[in-house]
Amino acid sequence: MKTNASFSASLLVTLLVGTLAAPLAVALDKTASASAHATQAGGIEWRKDNNVDAAFALAKSANKPLFLYWGAVWCPPCNQVKATIFNRQEFIDKSRHFIPVYLDGDSPGAQKFAAQFKVRGYPTMILFKPDGTEITRLPGEVDSERYLQVLTLALNTSASVADSLKLALTGNKSLKQDDWSLLADYSWDDPQQKLVNNKDLPATLLRLSELSPAGLNATRLYLKALFAAANARPGQTVPAIDKQQATERLIKSLADAKVARDNLDLVAGSAAELTEFLTSAKSEQRGKLTAAWNVALIKLADDNSISKTDRLSAIIAQIALAKLDNVKPSVALQKDVQKRVSQIEQATGDAYERQSVVSSAAYALGNADLLDASDALLKAELKRSHSPYYFMSTLGSNAKKRGDKVAAVNWYEQAYNAAKGPATRLQWGANYVVGLIELTPEDDARIEKAVSGVFAELSKTENAFYQRNHAYLEKMGKKLGEWNKDKKHQVTFQKVHAQLDSICAKLPANDGQKATCQGVLSKS
């Protein structure tokens, strides 16, 4: 999921009216021939030729915003976007008024463009002004109606979120409610966001929640601040938070059906983390907060007005809460989870939506210690999914949970063999290598074969060392270094190191990829 328990996605309603209507009509006529290079899918004329520079030039000449969607065929939340947003008539109609660009992570040059626009996690959606200035990064986890509202505001604003942030932090009173809405709904959890220095993110969100006028935006910013603090990484500054006061405020927010529904992504995505962060194990406060979460989560799980994946995220949150303090899910909870999951899965027919729903459903069952049910669902889906390798990986994870190392690495291998697309194959190959090292570290021959295969494909891939590719190569390289830290696997390590060196040597000295290539195993 952009991957994490707090995922799903959505998009658009009214836009660019009045004085902009005539210029846009003229622009559409002028760019009719340019549209011949676009690909129409589901009624949206996505530009997929990977000439992103040309798309920005078109946006500038037509004086139209540019909407950049970065995704992948296999990605569950991307498929959720396709099932709940891109097929909506409101979005299709309004997409005529901006330049929609679909950048698939596996298309030629995509990872290099991703580095240019600082996008990594799938899906990432950014709205740009006609001059190329970034307006905002749209959240990939809110429900469709909220997403439509956010995009509409972004399309009609004259200021970027970066401009609004500067004004907000200086205490400027000129900010409108719409400006605060865009700040509240910005994709703050995107590790590539550059609005705020990463170390200052929790404190900045808390400050914004204090500066924002009272209401839903202030509550949303506060929830995001708490979540950022609860998940603070090394180097991040965690602001002082009165945990008892925060717990009471949270319980009050959860009791408000509108607040809970308006923040369903955070309510479903942060339940266990915030409960653990704010309260002590087995304390009275933890009991009260958990009870408040569960009431809100059950309402969301039963709400047919939200997407099936979002309903499943509420079920996943219930399971996570139940497992706090190392408590196993009760038989009653397991039965309830199995019943709800089955109902939602069986009601899902759309192929795109199934990629998202089955992923979440299998995750829910696995987390509820219903691994056999999770496996059955995943195996049945292998025959109908357009990206079965994604589910093979989950089957590997289930086998790993059982302690079945042989089955786990075999599923990881099958997933790698079935994966399609250069970036996807590199990701699945790296994960296969990591799985082998963790589960069968003594099998040098199999590890060498897997690493060699990844590097062989890498040598044939243009612009192979950018963004996600870079991240997964680093992950694999680090794991190989740890595996060989005592020099017990030196022969195998030297062979794959020599293979990588030959790839690096072919890169021009002035190519930024050369240093990246050389760094994959340099610290090992």
Protein backbone atom coordinates (compact mmCIF):
# COMPACT_ATOMS: atom_id res chain seq x y z
CA MET A 1 0.00 0.00 0.00
CA LYS A 2 2.01 3.93 -0.70
CA THR A 3 2.31 1.46 1.48
CA ASN A 4 1.29 1.32 4.87
CA ALA A 5 -2.02 0.70 6.65
CA SER A 6 -3.19 4.17 5.84
CA PHE A 7 -3.89 3.86 2.15
CA SER A 8 -6.45 4.17 -0.64
CA ALA A 9 -7.21 7.13 -3.00
CA SER A 10 -9.48 9.48 -5.04
CA LEU A 11 -10.29 12.96 -7.26
CA LEU A 12 -12.34 16.12 -8.89
CA VAL A 13 -15.56 18.17 -9.32
CA THR A 14 -15.80 21.85 -10.43
CA LEU A 15 -12.99 23.83 -11.82
CA LEU A 16 -11.67 26.74 -13.81
CA VAL A 17 -14.86 28.65 -14.57
CA GLY A 18 -15.75 32.21 -15.51
CA THR A 19 -12.92 34.16 -17.10
CA LEU A 20 -10.86 31.00 -17.70
CA ALA A 21 -13.54 29.24 -19.72
CA ALA A 22 -12.87 30.99 -23.02
CA PRO A 23 -9.06 30.70 -22.89
CA LEU A 24 -9.40 27.01 -22.08
CA ALA A 25 -11.73 26.45 -25.02
CA VAL A 26 -9.21 28.12 -27.34
CA ALA A 27 -6.41 26.10 -25.77
CA LEU A 28 -8.28 22.87 -26.43
CA ASP A 29 -8.59 23.76 -30.11
CA LYS A 30 -4.93 24.73 -30.37
CA THR A 31 -3.76 21.52 -28.79
CA ALA A 32 -6.05 19.13 -30.65
CA SER A 33 -3.19 17.86 -32.79
CA ALA A 34 -0.97 17.43 -29.74
CA SER A 35 -3.65 15.19 -28.23
CA ALA A 36 -2.92 12.70 -30.98
CA HIS A 37 0.14 11.74 -28.96
CA ALA A 38 -1.98 11.09 -25.89
CA THR A 39 -3.52 7.77 -24.96
CA GLN A 40 -7.22 7.65 -24.22
CA ALA A 41 -8.05 5.22 -21.42
CA GLY A 42 -11.42 5.18 -19.73
CA GLY A 43 -12.28 8.47 -21.40
CA ILE A 44 -9.19 10.29 -20.06
CA GLU A 45 -6.59 11.42 -22.56
CA TRP A 46 -3.56 10.40 -20.57
CA ARG A 47 -0.25 11.38 -22.06
CA LYS A 48 1.87 8.26 -21.78
CA ASP A 49 4.67 8.94 -24.24
CA ASN A 50 7.08 9.67 -21.38
CA ASN A 51 8.03 12.96 -22.98
CA VAL A 52 7.21 14.77 -19.77
CA ASP A 53 9.08 17.88 -20.86
CA ALA A 54 6.81 18.10 -23.89
CA ALA A 55 3.76 17.74 -21.66
CA PHE A 56 4.92 20.66 -19.51
CA ALA A 57 5.56 22.72 -22.65
CA LEU A 58 2.03 21.92 -23.78
CA ALA A 59 0.61 22.94 -20.39
CA LYS A 60 2.46 26.26 -20.57
CA SER A 61 1.39 27.07 -24.13
CA ALA A 62 -2.22 26.11 -23.37
CA ASN A 63 -2.16 27.88 -19.99
CA LYS A 64 -3.49 24.73 -18.36
CA PRO A 65 -2.53 22.98 -15.12
CA LEU A 66 -0.70 19.68 -15.38
CA PHE A 67 -1.73 16.65 -13.34
CA LEU A 68 1.05 14.09 -12.88
CA TYR A 69 0.07 10.58 -11.82
CA TRP A 70 2.97 8.29 -10.91
CA GLY A 71 2.00 4.65 -10.51
CA ALA A 72 2.47 1.02 -11.47
CA VAL A 73 0.25 -1.72 -12.88
CA TRP A 74 0.58 -4.00 -9.84
CA CYS A 75 0.25 -1.39 -7.08
CA PRO A 76 -2.96 -1.93 -5.01
CA PRO A 77 -3.57 1.75 -4.10
CA CYS A 78 -2.95 2.70 -7.75
CA ASN A 79 -5.62 0.24 -8.78
CA GLN A 80 -7.83 1.71 -6.07
CA VAL A 81 -7.41 5.13 -7.70
CA LYS A 82 -8.38 3.67 -11.07
CA ALA A 83 -11.44 1.97 -9.59
CA THR A 84 -12.74 4.87 -7.52
CA ILE A 85 -11.49 8.04 -9.20
CA PHE A 86 -10.34 7.77 -12.77
CA ASN A 87 -13.54 6.01 -13.82
CA ARG A 88 -15.78 8.72 -12.35
CA GLN A 89 -17.55 10.88 -14.87
CA GLU A 90 -16.75 14.04 -12.88
CA PHE A 91 -13.05 13.35 -13.27
CA ILE A 92 -13.33 12.35 -16.91
CA ASP A 93 -15.27 15.52 -17.75
CA LYS A 94 -12.93 17.87 -15.91
CA SER A 95 -9.76 16.15 -17.10
CA ARG A 96 -10.30 18.03 -20.40
CA HIS A 97 -9.25 21.19 -18.57
CA PHE A 98 -5.79 20.07 -17.52
CA ILE A 99 -2.95 18.03 -19.01
CA PRO A 100 -3.19 14.54 -17.48
CA VAL A 101 0.17 12.73 -17.50
CA TYR A 102 0.50 9.09 -16.51
CA LEU A 103 4.07 8.14 -15.67
CA ASP A 104 4.33 4.38 -15.19
CA GLY A 105 7.29 3.29 -13.09
CA ASP A 106 8.22 0.59 -15.61
CA SER A 107 8.18 2.76 -18.73
CA PRO A 108 11.47 3.83 -20.35
CA GLY A 109 13.13 6.68 -18.49
CA ALA A 110 10.40 6.79 -15.85
CA GLN A 111 12.70 6.42 -12.85
CA LYS A 112 14.86 9.32 -14.08
CA PHE A 113 11.79 11.54 -14.48
CA ALA A 114 10.72 10.40 -11.01
CA ALA A 115 14.01 11.69 -9.61
CA GLN A 116 13.44 15.01 -11.38
CA PHE A 117 9.99 15.46 -9.84
CA LYS A 118 10.88 13.78 -6.53
CA VAL A 119 8.28 11.05 -6.67
CA ARG A 120 8.97 7.56 -5.36
CA GLY A 121 6.03 5.88 -3.64
CA TYR A 122 3.17 4.58 -5.78
CA PRO A 123 0.84 6.33 -6.25
CA THR A 124 2.01 9.92 -6.13
CA MET A 125 -0.16 12.65 -7.64
CA ILE A 126 1.07 16.20 -8.09
CA LEU A 127 -0.71 19.22 -9.51
CA PHE A 128 1.43 21.84 -11.27
CA LYS A 129 0.68 25.33 -12.48
CA PRO A 130 1.04 25.94 -16.24
CA ASP A 131 4.53 27.35 -15.60
CA GLY A 132 5.63 24.13 -13.91
CA THR A 133 5.40 25.37 -10.32
CA GLU A 134 4.20 22.65 -7.97
CA ILE A 135 0.84 23.58 -6.46
CA THR A 136 0.39 20.61 -4.15
CA ARG A 137 0.96 16.92 -3.63
CA LEU A 138 -2.40 15.25 -3.43
CA PRO A 139 -3.01 12.66 -0.73
CA GLY A 140 -3.30 9.09 -1.91
CA GLU A 141 -5.21 7.78 1.08
CA VAL A 142 -8.37 9.87 1.52
CA ASP A 143 -11.74 8.78 0.15
CA SER A 144 -12.96 9.87 -3.27
CA GLU A 145 -15.30 12.67 -2.20
CA ARG A 146 -12.67 14.36 -0.11
CA TYR A 147 -10.12 13.92 -2.87
CA LEU A 148 -12.42 15.60 -5.36
CA GLN A 149 -12.78 18.54 -3.01
CA VAL A 150 -9.02 18.81 -2.49
CA LEU A 151 -8.25 18.71 -6.20
CA THR A 152 -10.94 21.25 -6.97
CA LEU A 153 -9.47 23.66 -4.42
CA ALA A 154 -5.99 23.10 -5.79
CA LEU A 155 -7.10 23.78 -9.35
CA ASN A 156 -8.73 27.03 -8.37
CA THR A 157 -6.08 28.40 -6.07
CA SER A 158 -3.71 31.17 -7.07
CA ALA A 159 -1.14 30.19 -4.44
CA SER A 160 0.86 27.03 -3.97
CA VAL A 161 0.78 25.09 -0.72
CA ALA A 162 4.37 26.18 -0.18
CA ASP A 163 3.25 29.85 -0.30
CA SER A 164 0.39 29.17 2.10
CA LEU A 165 2.71 27.36 4.50
CA LYS A 166 5.07 30.34 4.70
CA LEU A 167 2.18 32.68 5.44
CA ALA A 168 0.64 30.33 7.98
CA LEU A 169 3.84 29.92 9.98
CA THR A 170 4.29 33.69 10.23
CA GLY A 171 0.81 34.00 11.72
CA ASN A 172 -0.58 35.78 8.66
CA LYS A 173 -4.33 36.23 9.01
CA SER A 174 -5.02 36.56 5.28
CA LEU A 175 -5.20 32.81 4.68
CA LYS A 176 -8.62 31.62 3.62
CA GLN A 177 -10.37 28.45 4.73
CA ASP A 178 -9.51 26.89 1.36
CA ASP A 179 -5.81 27.53 1.97
CA TRP A 180 -6.03 25.77 5.32
CA SER A 181 -7.88 22.88 3.67
CA LEU A 182 -5.03 22.38 1.20
CA LEU A 183 -2.51 22.47 4.03
CA ALA A 184 -4.53 19.93 6.01
CA ASP A 185 -4.82 17.60 3.04
CA TYR A 186 -1.29 17.91 1.71
CA SER A 187 0.52 14.59 1.34
CA TRP A 188 2.73 15.18 4.38
CA ASP A 189 3.60 11.49 4.68
CA ASP A 190 5.30 11.54 1.29
CA PRO A 191 9.01 11.08 2.12
CA GLN A 192 9.84 13.13 -0.99
CA GLN A 193 7.92 16.22 0.11
CA LYS A 194 10.17 19.26 0.40
CA LEU A 195 7.86 21.77 2.09
CA VAL A 196 9.36 21.10 5.49
CA ASN A 197 12.70 19.74 6.60
CA ASN A 198 12.08 16.13 7.58
CA LYS A 199 13.40 16.62 11.10
CA ASP A 200 10.89 19.42 11.73
CA LEU A 201 7.80 17.66 10.32
CA PRO A 202 6.06 16.62 13.59
CA ALA A 203 6.63 20.02 15.21
CA THR A 204 5.51 21.91 12.09
CA LEU A 205 2.27 19.95 11.83
CA LEU A 206 1.53 20.55 15.49
CA ARG A 207 2.21 24.27 15.05
CA LEU A 208 -0.10 24.42 12.03
CA SER A 209 -2.87 22.72 14.00
CA GLU A 210 -2.53 25.42 16.65
CA LEU A 211 -2.56 28.25 14.10
CA SER A 212 -5.44 26.91 12.03
CA PRO A 213 -8.94 28.25 12.75
CA ALA A 214 -10.91 25.78 14.88
CA GLY A 215 -12.71 23.14 12.86
CA LEU A 216 -12.07 20.10 10.72
CA ASN A 217 -8.80 21.40 9.24
CA ALA A 218 -7.31 22.05 12.68
CA THR A 219 -8.40 18.58 13.82
CA ARG A 220 -6.91 16.94 10.74
CA LEU A 221 -3.61 18.75 11.17
CA TYR A 222 -3.57 17.76 14.85
CA LEU A 223 -4.16 14.09 14.01
CA LYS A 224 -1.38 14.23 11.44
CA ALA A 225 0.93 15.86 13.97
CA LEU A 226 0.24 13.11 16.51
CA PHE A 227 0.81 10.42 13.89
CA ALA A 228 4.08 12.02 12.77
CA ALA A 229 5.23 12.22 16.40
CA ALA A 230 4.24 8.61 17.06
CA ASN A 231 6.20 7.46 14.02
CA ALA A 232 9.14 9.83 14.40
CA ARG A 233 12.34 8.52 12.88
CA PRO A 234 15.85 9.05 14.21
CA GLY A 235 16.83 12.69 13.80
CA GLN A 236 13.28 14.00 13.90
CA THR A 237 12.34 16.44 16.63
CA VAL A 238 9.31 15.26 18.61
CA PRO A 239 7.40 18.21 20.13
CA ALA A 240 6.26 18.15 23.74
CA ILE A 241 2.75 16.65 23.84
CA ASP A 242 0.49 16.40 26.87
CA LYS A 243 -0.52 12.78 26.27
CA GLN A 244 -3.47 12.77 28.64
CA GLN A 245 -4.89 15.89 27.03
CA ALA A 246 -4.22 14.46 23.58
CA THR A 247 -6.01 11.23 24.51
CA GLU A 248 -9.07 13.12 25.72
CA ARG A 249 -9.14 15.24 22.57
CA LEU A 250 -8.80 12.14 20.43
CA ILE A 251 -11.66 10.36 22.19
CA LYS A 252 -13.85 13.41 21.62
CA SER A 253 -12.94 13.50 17.90
CA LEU A 254 -13.64 9.80 17.46
CA ALA A 255 -17.09 10.22 19.03
CA ASP A 256 -17.99 12.77 16.35
CA ALA A 257 -19.22 10.75 13.35
CA LYS A 258 -18.50 13.58 10.90
CA VAL A 259 -14.95 14.06 12.15
CA ALA A 260 -14.25 10.33 12.03
CA ARG A 261 -15.72 9.99 8.52
CA ASP A 262 -13.90 13.09 7.28
CA ASN A 263 -10.62 11.68 8.56
CA LEU A 264 -11.21 8.02 7.81
CA ASP A 265 -7.69 7.58 6.42
CA LEU A 266 -6.18 8.71 9.72
CA VAL A 267 -8.77 7.02 11.93
CA ALA A 268 -8.19 3.70 10.17
CA GLY A 269 -4.50 4.19 9.56
CA SER A 270 -3.23 5.36 12.92
CA ALA A 271 -5.31 3.60 15.57
CA ALA A 272 -2.71 1.24 16.99
CA GLU A 273 0.22 3.64 16.62
CA LEU A 274 -1.51 6.52 18.41
CA THR A 275 -2.95 4.31 21.12
CA GLU A 276 0.48 2.88 21.87
CA PHE A 277 2.10 6.33 21.70
CA LEU A 278 -0.38 8.10 23.97
CA THR A 279 -1.24 5.48 26.58
CA SER A 280 0.47 2.91 28.80
CA ALA A 281 -0.03 -0.81 28.35
CA LYS A 282 -3.17 -2.18 30.04
CA SER A 283 -3.94 1.24 31.55
CA GLU A 284 -7.43 2.62 32.09
CA GLN A 285 -6.74 5.33 29.51
CA ARG A 286 -5.71 2.74 26.94
CA GLY A 287 -8.95 0.89 27.53
CA LYS A 288 -11.03 4.04 27.04
CA LEU A 289 -9.15 5.08 23.91
CA THR A 290 -9.32 1.60 22.41
CA ALA A 291 -13.07 1.48 23.04
CA ALA A 292 -13.52 4.85 21.32
CA TRP A 293 -11.47 3.69 18.32
CA ASN A 294 -13.46 0.49 17.97
CA VAL A 295 -16.82 2.27 17.98
CA ALA A 296 -15.61 4.60 15.21
CA LEU A 297 -13.95 1.79 13.24
CA ILE A 298 -17.02 -0.45 13.27
CA LYS A 299 -19.09 2.43 11.86
CA LEU A 300 -16.55 2.91 9.07
CA ALA A 301 -16.35 -0.81 8.33
CA ASP A 302 -20.15 -0.87 7.94
CA ASP A 303 -20.37 2.34 5.89
CA ASN A 304 -21.32 1.37 2.33
CA SER A 305 -20.73 4.93 1.14
CA ILE A 306 -16.97 4.51 1.35
CA SER A 307 -14.79 2.25 -0.76
CA LYS A 308 -14.39 -1.43 0.03
CA THR A 309 -10.67 -1.00 0.58
CA ASP A 310 -11.28 1.77 3.10
CA ARG A 311 -13.78 -0.43 4.91
CA LEU A 312 -11.15 -3.16 5.06
CA SER A 313 -8.62 -0.67 6.43
CA ALA A 314 -11.00 -0.09 9.35
CA ILE A 315 -11.11 -3.84 9.98
CA ILE A 316 -7.31 -4.02 9.83
CA ALA A 317 -7.13 -1.24 12.42
CA GLN A 318 -9.45 -3.18 14.75
CA ILE A 319 -7.14 -6.18 14.52
CA ALA A 320 -4.07 -4.06 15.22
CA LEU A 321 -5.74 -2.59 18.31
CA ALA A 322 -6.71 -6.03 19.54
CA LYS A 323 -3.10 -7.21 19.21
CA LEU A 324 -1.61 -4.38 21.27
CA ASP A 325 0.26 -5.56 24.37
CA ASN A 326 1.00 -8.88 22.61
CA VAL A 327 -2.59 -10.11 22.89
CA LYS A 328 -3.76 -12.59 20.27
CA PRO A 329 -7.01 -11.92 18.37
CA SER A 330 -9.97 -13.56 20.07
CA VAL A 331 -11.96 -16.29 18.34
CA ALA A 332 -14.95 -13.92 18.24
CA LEU A 333 -12.89 -11.25 16.48
CA GLN A 334 -11.48 -13.78 14.03
CA LYS A 335 -14.98 -14.95 13.09
CA ASP A 336 -16.15 -11.38 12.66
CA VAL A 337 -13.12 -10.50 10.52
CA GLN A 338 -13.59 -13.56 8.32
CA LYS A 339 -17.28 -12.79 7.83
CA ARG A 340 -16.74 -9.11 6.98
CA VAL A 341 -13.78 -9.78 4.70
CA SER A 342 -15.69 -12.48 2.82
CA GLN A 343 -18.68 -10.20 2.26
CA ILE A 344 -16.55 -7.36 0.93
CA GLU A 345 -14.40 -9.58 -1.29
CA GLN A 346 -17.38 -11.39 -2.82
CA ALA A 347 -19.05 -8.07 -3.61
CA THR A 348 -16.00 -6.88 -5.59
CA GLY A 349 -16.14 -7.56 -9.31
CA ASP A 350 -14.06 -4.77 -10.86
CA ALA A 351 -10.57 -6.05 -11.80
CA TYR A 352 -8.81 -2.88 -10.66
CA GLU A 353 -10.67 -2.77 -7.38
CA ARG A 354 -9.97 -6.45 -6.73
CA GLN A 355 -6.22 -5.81 -6.86
CA SER A 356 -6.67 -3.42 -3.96
CA VAL A 357 -9.43 -5.25 -2.09
CA VAL A 358 -7.82 -8.69 -2.20
CA SER A 359 -4.51 -7.22 -1.03
CA SER A 360 -6.18 -5.61 1.99
CA ALA A 361 -8.42 -8.61 2.63
CA ALA A 362 -5.50 -11.04 2.66
CA TYR A 363 -3.56 -8.69 4.91
CA ALA A 364 -6.49 -8.49 7.33
CA LEU A 365 -6.86 -12.26 7.48
CA GLY A 366 -3.13 -12.78 7.95
CA ASN A 367 -2.96 -10.22 10.76
CA ALA A 368 -5.89 -11.92 12.46
CA ASP A 369 -3.82 -15.14 12.46
CA LEU A 370 -6.07 -16.64 9.79
CA LEU A 371 -3.18 -17.56 7.50
CA ASP A 372 -4.94 -20.50 5.83
CA ALA A 373 -7.89 -18.29 4.87
CA SER A 374 -5.48 -15.62 3.62
CA ASP A 375 -3.63 -18.19 1.51
CA ALA A 376 -6.85 -19.55 0.02
CA LEU A 377 -7.96 -16.10 -1.03
CA LEU A 378 -4.58 -15.25 -2.56
CA LYS A 379 -4.22 -18.54 -4.45
CA ALA A 380 -7.69 -18.17 -5.93
CA GLU A 381 -6.78 -14.66 -7.08
CA LEU A 382 -3.60 -15.75 -8.90
CA LYS A 383 -5.69 -16.95 -11.84
CA ARG A 384 -7.69 -13.75 -12.26
CA SER A 385 -5.23 -10.99 -11.31
CA HIS A 386 -3.39 -8.97 -13.95
CA SER A 387 -0.42 -8.88 -11.54
CA PRO A 388 -0.38 -12.24 -9.74
CA TYR A 389 3.24 -11.77 -8.65
CA TYR A 390 2.07 -9.24 -6.08
CA PHE A 391 -0.03 -11.91 -4.37
CA MET A 392 2.75 -14.48 -4.65
CA SER A 393 4.88 -12.17 -2.50
CA THR A 394 2.14 -12.07 0.13
CA LEU A 395 1.94 -15.86 0.05
CA GLY A 396 5.67 -15.84 0.75
CA SER A 397 5.15 -13.52 3.70
CA ASN A 398 2.43 -15.80 5.06
CA ALA A 399 4.74 -18.80 4.78
CA LYS A 400 7.45 -16.83 6.58
CA LYS A 401 5.03 -16.09 9.44
CA ARG A 402 4.38 -19.83 9.74
CA GLY A 403 8.09 -20.52 9.91
CA ASP A 404 8.02 -22.40 6.59
CA LYS A 405 11.26 -21.05 5.13
CA VAL A 406 11.29 -23.32 2.08
CA ALA A 407 7.78 -22.34 0.99
CA ALA A 408 8.51 -18.66 1.65
CA VAL A 409 11.60 -18.43 -0.58
CA ASN A 410 9.90 -20.51 -3.26
CA TRP A 411 6.99 -18.05 -3.37
CA TYR A 412 9.43 -15.12 -3.48
CA GLU A 413 11.20 -16.82 -6.39
CA GLN A 414 7.94 -17.45 -8.24
CA ALA A 415 6.96 -13.83 -7.71
CA TYR A 416 10.28 -12.63 -9.16
CA ASN A 417 10.01 -14.95 -12.15
CA ALA A 418 6.46 -13.76 -12.89
CA ALA A 419 7.11 -10.03 -12.40
CA LYS A 420 6.94 -7.79 -15.47
CA GLY A 421 8.62 -4.48 -16.22
CA PRO A 422 12.23 -3.45 -15.48
CA ALA A 423 11.61 -1.47 -12.29
CA THR A 424 9.13 -4.04 -10.99
CA ARG A 425 11.47 -6.93 -11.73
CA LEU A 426 14.32 -5.16 -9.96
CA GLN A 427 12.11 -4.58 -6.91
CA TRP A 428 10.89 -8.16 -6.81
CA GLY A 429 14.39 -9.48 -7.51
CA ALA A 430 15.86 -7.43 -4.67
CA ASN A 431 13.12 -8.66 -2.33
CA TYR A 432 13.82 -12.25 -3.39
CA VAL A 433 17.52 -11.82 -2.59
CA VAL A 434 16.71 -10.28 0.79
CA GLY A 435 14.34 -13.16 1.52
CA LEU A 436 16.99 -15.73 0.63
CA ILE A 437 19.58 -14.08 2.86
CA GLU A 438 17.17 -13.86 5.80
CA LEU A 439 15.74 -17.37 5.48
CA THR A 440 18.43 -19.49 3.81
CA PRO A 441 21.73 -17.66 4.37
CA GLU A 442 23.71 -20.87 3.90
CA ASP A 443 22.54 -21.33 0.30
CA ASP A 444 25.33 -19.43 -1.47
CA ALA A 445 24.58 -20.94 -4.86
CA ARG A 446 20.96 -19.82 -4.90
CA ILE A 447 21.83 -16.38 -3.56
CA GLU A 448 24.56 -15.92 -6.17
CA LYS A 449 22.19 -16.97 -8.95
CA ALA A 450 19.50 -14.55 -7.77
CA VAL A 451 21.86 -11.57 -7.40
CA SER A 452 23.51 -12.33 -10.72
CA GLY A 453 20.11 -12.41 -12.40
CA VAL A 454 19.16 -9.02 -10.97
CA PHE A 455 22.47 -7.48 -12.07
CA ALA A 456 22.21 -9.05 -15.55
CA GLU A 457 18.85 -7.37 -16.12
CA LEU A 458 20.16 -4.17 -14.60
CA SER A 459 22.95 -4.03 -17.17
CA LYS A 460 20.37 -3.93 -19.96
CA THR A 461 18.19 -1.23 -18.41
CA GLU A 462 18.63 2.40 -19.39
CA ASN A 463 18.69 4.90 -16.52
CA ALA A 464 18.59 2.01 -14.08
CA PHE A 465 19.98 3.72 -10.98
CA TYR A 466 17.33 6.31 -10.19
CA GLN A 467 14.64 6.61 -7.51
CA ARG A 468 12.91 3.33 -6.59
CA ASN A 469 15.55 1.32 -8.42
CA HIS A 470 18.23 3.05 -6.37
CA ALA A 471 16.34 2.42 -3.13
CA TYR A 472 15.90 -1.30 -3.75
CA LEU A 473 19.48 -1.75 -4.92
CA GLU A 474 20.68 -0.08 -1.73
CA LYS A 475 18.43 -2.35 0.32
CA MET A 476 19.80 -5.44 -1.42
CA GLY A 477 23.39 -4.19 -1.22
CA LYS A 478 23.12 -3.51 2.50
CA LYS A 479 21.70 -6.97 3.12
CA LEU A 480 24.50 -8.60 1.10
CA GLY A 481 27.09 -6.67 3.12
CA GLU A 482 25.57 -7.82 6.40
CA TRP A 483 25.44 -11.38 5.10
CA ASN A 484 29.16 -11.30 4.34
CA LYS A 485 30.33 -9.19 7.28
CA ASP A 486 32.33 -12.12 8.70
CA LYS A 487 33.70 -12.92 5.23
CA LYS A 488 32.05 -16.34 5.37
CA HIS A 489 30.59 -15.87 1.89
CA GLN A 490 33.52 -14.02 0.35
CA VAL A 491 33.77 -16.09 -2.83
CA THR A 492 30.14 -15.51 -3.75
CA PHE A 493 30.30 -11.88 -2.69
CA GLN A 494 33.37 -11.17 -4.82
CA LYS A 495 31.72 -12.74 -7.87
CA VAL A 496 28.62 -10.54 -7.72
CA HIS A 497 30.74 -7.52 -6.78
CA ALA A 498 32.85 -8.05 -9.92
CA GLN A 499 29.68 -8.33 -12.00
CA LEU A 500 28.42 -5.01 -10.63
CA ASP A 501 31.81 -3.38 -11.14
CA SER A 502 31.66 -4.27 -14.83
CA ILE A 503 28.26 -2.59 -15.08
CA CYS A 504 29.51 0.54 -13.32
CA ALA A 505 32.60 0.70 -15.53
CA LYS A 506 30.45 1.06 -18.67
CA LEU A 507 28.72 4.18 -17.35
CA PRO A 508 30.25 7.51 -18.49
CA ALA A 509 32.39 9.27 -15.89
CA ASN A 510 30.09 12.31 -15.93
CA ASP A 511 26.93 10.22 -15.48
CA GLY A 512 25.47 10.70 -12.01
CA GLN A 513 24.43 7.05 -12.03
CA LYS A 514 28.05 5.94 -11.86
CA ALA A 515 28.50 6.97 -8.24
CA THR A 516 25.18 5.35 -7.34
CA CYS A 517 26.22 2.12 -9.06
CA GLN A 518 29.57 2.09 -7.30
CA GLY A 519 27.91 2.75 -3.95
CA VAL A 520 25.58 -0.27 -4.03
CA LEU A 521 28.21 -2.60 -2.54
CA SER A 522 30.94 -0.12 -1.61
CA LYS A 523 30.03 -0.07 2.09
CA SER A 524 29.96 -3.84 2.29
